[in-house]
Amino acid sequence: MSDSAGPAAAPEAGDEIAHLRARLDKAERRLASAQRLARLGDWEVDLRSGLGWWSDELCAIYGVPPGRDDITSEEFLDIVHPEDRDVIRHLSEAALSRNAPCDARYRIVRPDNTERLIQCRAEVEFDSSGTPLKIFGTALDITEIGRLERALRDSERKYRAIFEQVPVGVALIGPDRRFLMSNPAWERMTGYTAAELANLSTHDITHPEDVAGSTRFFEQVMRGELERPVFEKRYLRKNGEVLWARVHAVVVRGADGQARYRLAIIEDISAEKGAERRRTDLQQQQRQALVQDVHHRIKNNLQGVAGLLERHAAATPALGPAIDDAVGRLNALAMMHGLHSELAGREVNLCNIVRGIVDTLQTLSPVPLEYRLPNGFIPVEVARDESVPVALILNELVSNAIKHVDAAVGRAAVTIEVKRAAASALVVVRNAPASLPRGFDLALDRHLGIGLRLAKSLLPAEGATLSLGEPVAAVVEAVLQLSPPVLKQPESA
């Protein structure tokens, strides 16, 4: 039996060895391919002989011929960058002392003088008595990773410098409106530290009157509805002072396109707003001075003319009735220009102003003046500081309409109508038959008489517009539109 089993077993064993050798070769090829693709090599050093072995991929990484199993520590250290050789020594010492895998990062200089960055992992094998036998590990070429890390660090340093040194405020705001990051300029502008701001929301430091508008603005920003997301608002500094700011908003979105954060770039425009307010105050003072001057001159001149006519009437009794009539008209007109003293300190109903002007000018008009007020009209009041300018403008518009209507036509008339339009009120003055001069342009001051020039100069900076045109043939229409702040905010109908 033994003779028959022996010869048969030998070929079977040989086949099994060949099969195992083929599998081993295949595994080694796969390992070599994997190492090549990963730029990962392995190595080991016999601590008794001091000689090392490197895999083919490690030889390729280090730029030396493959197949070496007699690498000395001196040869290896010659490849390591001089500044990093202490790293290798510390790696070996750590692996021997800790009896656990250790990691290190170092540079090598290949024979062609190119540098590579290596991530190394080492472990020590001990015998049963605790004597170290060999140190082995892996070496990964992370040169490209290192380059990307350096680029990232450089980029971070650059943007950190910009973030910290830029003279405008920069803040990263989370979905809950809290400040995630704040640069030093924003800290200086608000008076809060970055730590304090991290516990505050944008609403906490926004002026109460601007919270609603600010909320609407940022909701539109988050939805991407604004082409130019810029908003002016007021903040409250830590000491309670008001900070006027111009906010430029940018939405930071995630990979899924959803809004994650808001980046706010904030300019301090307090000085700009202060200068604007001073300019507005100065313009208001100049306009008020003009109103006072016009009122004073017209009233005094009218009263002076009336006085001269009264003296002339005394010297010429036959002209007394006609002169008395003219004096009455002049005094009525002078009373209208006395509105400033009569109305000082209180608002005036717009309809009363219009009616008083119509009643006064009716005695001077060669054509009928028709005053119209729609049914259900809710009266509006003119702010007390604007009552005299509005009265003077309306007087000039009605006087101008009377002056330029063709009184010879039997149906000639001037109509004055007051209308409501949302928060505004319109005073419409029409005269017919009449026409505008050829080339007339109110905006460019072309062919304007003294009356219209005066009316334009008296227009408030906000809350009043004037237009003049011919809606139909032979009809000239002047429209004065008034809205807050010239009008007190009207109650809803």
Foldseek 3Di string as FASTA:
>chain_A
DVVVPVVVVVVVVVVVVVVVVVVVVVVVVVVVVVCQVQLKWKKKAFPVVQAIAIACSVCVVQVHHHDDGGHHPVNVLQFFDPVCSVVVVVLVVCQLVVQDKDWDKGWTQHPVRDIWIKIWIKHFDADPVRHTGMMMTMIGTCRVVVVVVVVVVVVCVVVVCCQAPPQWWKFKAFPVQATPDIYPNVCVLQVHDRVVSNPDGQVVFFDPVCPVVVVVLVVCQQVVNDPFSWDWGWTAHPVRDIWIKIWGWHFDADPVRHTGIIMITIDGCVVVVVVVVVVLVVLLVVLLVVLVVVLVVLLVVLVVVLVVLVVVCVVPVVCVVVSVLVSVLSVLVSVLSVVLVVLPPHWDWPVVLLVSLQVSCCSVALAEEAEDEDPPDDIWIFPSSLVSLVSLLSNLVQVVLRVFAPSVDPPWYWYWYWDDDQQKIKIKIKTFQGDDDPPDDLVVPPPDDPSSVSNVSNARPPFWDWDWDDPDHRMIMIMIMGGPPRIDRDDDD
